[in-house]
Amino acid sequence: MDYPNSGALWPNQKRETEKHPNSTGSIKIERGLLKEMMASQDNELIEILLSGWTKEWQGKKYVSLKASKPYKKGEQQSKPPVDEDDIPF
C-alpha cells in the first residue's frame, strides 16, 4: 500500500565501493503538495522537509520517510507535529 508523501531508504545490498550510496529508496509525493510548494517558493530549488524514522521489517533496518512543506517562521502550522506512532508504516 502506498501512503501519500512517504517513502523509505533501505540499505544498499549492491554497495561495492565507497562511491556507492549506503542506502537507496524512493518517495512518492502528491502532485497537489508539489504544486503548492512550487507556488509558495520563489527559488529555482524547491525545499522539501523530510522526516525519518528508523524501523525494522523482516529483520532489516530501514528509514521510513515523510515529506512535507517546510515550516516558515511566522507561518501557522496546519497540523500538530507528527508523532512516529501516528505514521501507519
Protein backbone atom coordinates (compact mmCIF):
# COMPACT_ATOMS: atom_id res chain seq x y z
CA MET A 1 0.00 0.00 0.00
CA ASP A 2 1.29 3.45 -0.86
CA TYR A 3 0.96 6.29 1.62
CA PRO A 4 0.90 9.86 0.29
CA ASN A 5 4.12 11.85 0.67
CA SER A 6 6.05 8.93 2.10
CA GLY A 7 8.83 6.57 1.19
CA ALA A 8 11.74 4.59 2.60
CA LEU A 9 15.51 4.22 2.44
CA TRP A 10 16.90 0.69 2.58
CA PRO A 11 20.50 -0.49 2.98
CA ASN A 12 22.08 -0.76 -0.46
CA GLN A 13 22.60 -4.52 -0.97
CA LYS A 14 24.68 -3.84 -4.12
CA ARG A 15 27.17 -1.45 -2.49
CA GLU A 16 30.67 -2.41 -3.62
CA THR A 17 32.73 0.78 -3.24
CA GLU A 18 32.74 3.94 -1.10
CA LYS A 19 31.26 5.81 -4.07
CA HIS A 20 28.06 3.74 -3.96
CA PRO A 21 25.29 5.02 -1.67
CA ASN A 22 24.78 3.43 1.74
CA SER A 23 21.02 3.48 1.25
CA THR A 24 18.62 3.63 -1.67
CA GLY A 25 14.88 4.09 -1.93
CA SER A 26 12.15 6.37 -3.17
CA ILE A 27 9.44 8.71 -2.03
CA LYS A 28 6.05 9.36 -3.64
CA ILE A 29 4.81 12.93 -3.34
CA GLU A 30 1.27 14.05 -4.14
CA ARG A 31 1.03 16.33 -7.17
CA GLY A 32 -1.00 18.87 -5.14
CA LEU A 33 1.71 19.18 -2.48
CA LEU A 34 4.36 19.69 -5.16
CA LYS A 35 2.26 22.37 -6.86
CA GLU A 36 1.69 24.13 -3.52
CA MET A 37 5.40 24.09 -2.71
CA MET A 38 6.35 25.35 -6.16
CA ALA A 39 3.84 28.21 -5.90
CA SER A 40 4.99 29.22 -2.41
CA GLN A 41 8.74 29.29 -3.11
CA ASP A 42 10.49 31.80 -5.34
CA ASN A 43 13.79 29.93 -5.72
CA GLU A 44 14.81 27.68 -8.59
CA LEU A 45 15.42 24.95 -5.99
CA ILE A 46 12.33 23.72 -4.12
CA GLU A 47 12.88 22.79 -0.48
CA ILE A 48 11.03 19.74 0.88
CA LEU A 49 11.10 18.91 4.58
CA LEU A 50 11.89 15.24 5.20
CA SER A 51 11.26 13.43 8.48
CA GLY A 52 12.64 9.95 9.08
CA TRP A 53 12.10 7.09 11.48
CA THR A 54 14.39 4.08 11.88
CA LYS A 55 12.27 0.95 11.55
CA GLU A 56 12.76 -2.78 11.10
CA TRP A 57 10.98 -5.13 8.70
CA GLN A 58 11.74 -8.83 8.34
CA GLY A 59 14.95 -8.34 10.31
CA LYS A 60 16.21 -5.48 8.10
CA LYS A 61 16.56 -1.94 9.37
CA TYR A 62 15.43 0.92 7.14
CA VAL A 63 14.43 4.58 7.40
CA SER A 64 10.77 5.44 6.85
CA LEU A 65 10.35 8.90 5.26
CA LYS A 66 7.63 11.54 5.28
CA ALA A 67 7.74 14.65 3.03
CA SER A 68 6.07 17.92 3.91
CA LYS A 69 6.13 21.63 3.25
CA PRO A 70 8.98 23.38 5.10
CA TYR A 71 7.90 25.41 8.12
CA LYS A 72 8.49 29.13 7.79
CA LYS A 73 8.85 31.38 10.82
CA GLY A 74 5.64 33.29 11.45
CA GLU A 75 3.60 30.80 9.40
CA GLN A 76 0.93 28.92 11.31
CA GLN A 77 1.28 25.16 11.13
CA SER A 78 -1.82 23.46 9.80
CA LYS A 79 -1.23 20.25 11.75
CA PRO A 80 0.41 19.47 15.09
CA PRO A 81 3.86 17.85 14.95
CA VAL A 82 3.66 14.20 13.87
CA ASP A 83 4.45 11.52 16.41
CA GLU A 84 6.08 8.49 14.78
CA ASP A 85 3.44 6.25 16.39
CA ASP A 86 0.84 8.04 14.25
CA ILE A 87 2.58 7.03 10.99
CA PRO A 88 0.83 3.94 9.59
CA PHE A 89 4.03 2.28 8.28
